């Protein structure tokens, strides 16, 4: 007879120790790197858009200031035209809008206006001409409405 039974020397099945949460598997590292890259890209794009539209925020603040100080005199209309020319110079630098005046300036404003080009023509003509007339032919409220529409349609 056998002195020792080989089956009696077998041990029960041992399960491996459960792994910890650290270090994560390589897939998690890849996912973290992708998420971090996307976050940095989103930050850069948002910051770039914010900086690119700084002129628009400034123009809207100036328009609000003009609205609060609205008077029907030639200096107010000159300031409104100056605001629109400064905004146009930044938005359309290749077209050199700061050199325009009179009918070419009216045409430029109507051409770059986002909506109602035909309906705004009398208002724009009166607004531009009111900058050098002793008695303005345009109401400040109409000029403000056009400027708000024109600036509202400007996207970068």
Protein backbone atom coordinates (compact mmCIF):
# COMPACT_ATOMS: atom_id res chain seq x y z
CA UNK A 1 0.00 0.00 0.00
CA UNK A 2 0.96 3.49 -0.50
CA UNK A 3 2.13 5.25 2.41
CA UNK A 4 0.80 8.62 1.38
CA UNK A 5 -2.22 9.26 -0.69
CA UNK A 6 -1.33 11.88 -3.35
CA UNK A 7 -4.88 13.23 -3.36
CA UNK A 8 -4.63 14.12 0.27
CA UNK A 9 -1.72 16.43 -0.52
CA UNK A 10 -3.79 18.59 -2.92
CA UNK A 11 -4.90 21.95 -1.68
CA UNK A 12 -8.18 23.65 -2.37
CA UNK A 13 -8.39 26.21 -5.24
CA UNK A 14 -7.08 29.61 -4.22
CA UNK A 15 -8.59 32.67 -5.87
CA UNK A 16 -6.22 35.51 -6.68
CA UNK A 17 -6.24 38.61 -4.52
CA UNK A 18 -8.57 41.30 -5.83
CA UNK A 19 -6.66 44.06 -7.57
CA UNK A 20 -6.73 47.59 -6.21
CA UNK A 21 -8.02 50.59 -8.06
CA UNK A 22 -4.48 51.90 -8.50
CA UNK A 23 -2.72 51.86 -10.90
CA UNK A 24 -5.51 51.98 -13.45
CA UNK A 25 -5.46 49.91 -16.57
CA UNK A 26 -3.88 51.42 -19.71
CA UNK A 27 -7.32 52.08 -21.23
CA UNK A 28 -8.14 54.44 -18.38
CA UNK A 29 -4.88 56.34 -18.93
CA UNK A 30 -5.73 56.72 -22.62
CA UNK A 31 -9.24 57.90 -21.77
CA UNK A 32 -7.83 60.42 -19.28
CA UNK A 33 -5.37 61.75 -21.89
CA UNK A 34 -8.16 62.16 -24.46
CA UNK A 35 -10.44 63.91 -21.97
CA UNK A 36 -7.61 66.24 -20.91
CA UNK A 37 -6.77 67.07 -24.54
CA UNK A 38 -10.44 67.82 -25.29
CA UNK A 39 -10.70 70.06 -22.22
CA UNK A 40 -7.59 72.02 -23.24
CA UNK A 41 -8.86 72.34 -26.81
CA UNK A 42 -12.26 73.59 -25.61
CA UNK A 43 -10.57 76.13 -23.33
CA UNK A 44 -8.37 77.43 -26.16
CA UNK A 45 -11.29 77.73 -28.59
CA UNK A 46 -13.54 79.49 -26.08
CA UNK A 47 -10.76 81.88 -25.10
CA UNK A 48 -9.99 82.64 -28.76
CA UNK A 49 -13.65 83.37 -29.51
CA UNK A 50 -13.92 85.55 -26.39
CA UNK A 51 -10.91 87.61 -27.44
CA UNK A 52 -12.03 87.81 -31.07
CA UNK A 53 -15.44 89.22 -30.03
CA UNK A 54 -14.07 91.80 -27.61
CA UNK A 55 -14.78 94.56 -30.14
CA UNK A 56 -18.43 93.50 -30.29
CA UNK A 57 -18.87 93.67 -26.53
CA UNK A 58 -17.22 97.10 -26.48
CA UNK A 59 -19.42 98.33 -29.33
CA UNK A 60 -22.56 97.13 -27.57
CA UNK A 61 -21.55 98.93 -24.38
CA UNK A 62 -20.92 102.11 -26.37
CA UNK A 63 -24.29 101.72 -28.08
CA UNK A 64 -25.93 101.39 -24.69
CA UNK A 65 -24.16 104.57 -23.56
CA UNK A 66 -25.35 106.38 -26.69
CA UNK A 67 -28.87 105.13 -26.07
CA UNK A 68 -28.85 106.57 -22.56
CA UNK A 69 -27.60 109.94 -23.86
CA UNK A 70 -29.80 110.02 -26.97
CA UNK A 71 -30.40 113.52 -28.29
CA UNK A 72 -31.48 114.66 -31.72
CA UNK A 73 -28.40 116.70 -32.58
CA UNK A 74 -25.66 116.33 -35.14
CA UNK A 75 -22.95 115.43 -32.58
CA UNK A 76 -24.95 112.46 -31.35
CA UNK A 77 -25.41 111.17 -34.89
CA UNK A 78 -21.72 111.74 -35.60
CA UNK A 79 -20.90 109.61 -32.54
CA UNK A 80 -23.29 106.90 -33.79
CA UNK A 81 -21.61 106.89 -37.21
CA UNK A 82 -18.21 106.79 -35.53
CA UNK A 83 -19.26 103.75 -33.50
CA UNK A 84 -20.49 101.95 -36.61
CA UNK A 85 -17.31 102.84 -38.54
CA UNK A 86 -15.07 101.58 -35.75
CA UNK A 87 -17.01 98.34 -35.60
CA UNK A 88 -16.96 97.99 -39.38
CA UNK A 89 -13.21 98.64 -39.49
CA UNK A 90 -12.59 95.75 -37.13
CA UNK A 91 -15.11 93.36 -38.69
CA UNK A 92 -14.39 94.17 -42.37
CA UNK A 93 -10.76 95.40 -42.49
CA UNK A 94 -10.26 94.30 -46.10
CA UNK A 95 -13.02 96.63 -47.31
CA UNK A 96 -11.60 99.76 -45.62
CA UNK A 97 -14.98 101.07 -44.39
CA UNK A 98 -13.46 103.94 -42.39
CA UNK A 99 -12.76 105.78 -45.64
CA UNK A 100 -16.40 105.64 -46.75
CA UNK A 101 -18.86 108.48 -46.36
CA UNK A 102 -22.15 109.53 -47.87
CA UNK A 103 -23.79 107.13 -50.32
CA UNK A 104 -20.95 104.53 -50.27
CA UNK A 105 -21.18 104.38 -46.47
CA UNK A 106 -24.97 103.96 -46.65
CA UNK A 107 -24.55 101.21 -49.25
CA UNK A 108 -21.93 99.47 -47.07
CA UNK A 109 -24.17 99.54 -43.99
CA UNK A 110 -27.13 98.17 -45.91
CA UNK A 111 -25.02 95.53 -47.65
CA UNK A 112 -23.60 94.22 -44.37
CA UNK A 113 -26.88 94.48 -42.48
CA UNK A 114 -28.22 91.05 -41.53
CA UNK A 115 -31.93 91.73 -42.23
CA UNK A 116 -34.45 94.18 -43.71
CA UNK A 117 -32.07 95.98 -46.04
CA UNK A 118 -34.86 97.65 -47.99
CA UNK A 119 -36.85 98.65 -44.90
CA UNK A 120 -33.80 100.20 -43.22
CA UNK A 121 -32.69 102.29 -46.21
CA UNK A 122 -34.57 105.51 -45.25
CA UNK A 123 -33.41 105.20 -41.66
CA UNK A 124 -29.77 104.66 -42.62
CA UNK A 125 -29.83 107.53 -45.12
CA UNK A 126 -31.35 109.86 -42.53
CA UNK A 127 -28.91 108.67 -39.83
CA UNK A 128 -25.81 109.20 -41.99
CA UNK A 129 -27.02 112.57 -43.30
CA UNK A 130 -28.03 113.74 -39.80
CA UNK A 131 -24.37 113.75 -38.75
CA UNK A 132 -23.81 117.01 -40.67
CA UNK A 133 -27.24 118.58 -40.82
CA UNK A 134 -28.24 121.22 -38.28
CA UNK A 135 -31.70 119.66 -37.90
CA UNK A 136 -31.46 115.85 -37.99
CA UNK A 137 -33.99 114.02 -40.15
CA UNK A 138 -33.69 110.81 -38.14
CA UNK A 139 -35.00 109.91 -34.73
CA UNK A 140 -32.36 108.61 -32.31
CA UNK A 141 -34.56 105.61 -31.50
CA UNK A 142 -34.57 104.55 -35.16
CA UNK A 143 -30.79 104.91 -35.39
CA UNK A 144 -30.35 102.88 -32.21
CA UNK A 145 -32.65 100.16 -33.52
CA UNK A 146 -30.67 99.92 -36.75
CA UNK A 147 -27.32 99.93 -34.94
CA UNK A 148 -28.52 97.21 -32.57
CA UNK A 149 -29.68 95.11 -35.53
CA UNK A 150 -26.47 95.74 -37.43
CA UNK A 151 -24.26 94.87 -34.46
CA UNK A 152 -26.46 91.90 -33.57
CA UNK A 153 -25.82 90.34 -36.95
CA UNK A 154 -22.05 90.64 -36.66
CA UNK A 155 -20.47 87.28 -35.91
CA UNK A 156 -16.85 86.29 -35.75
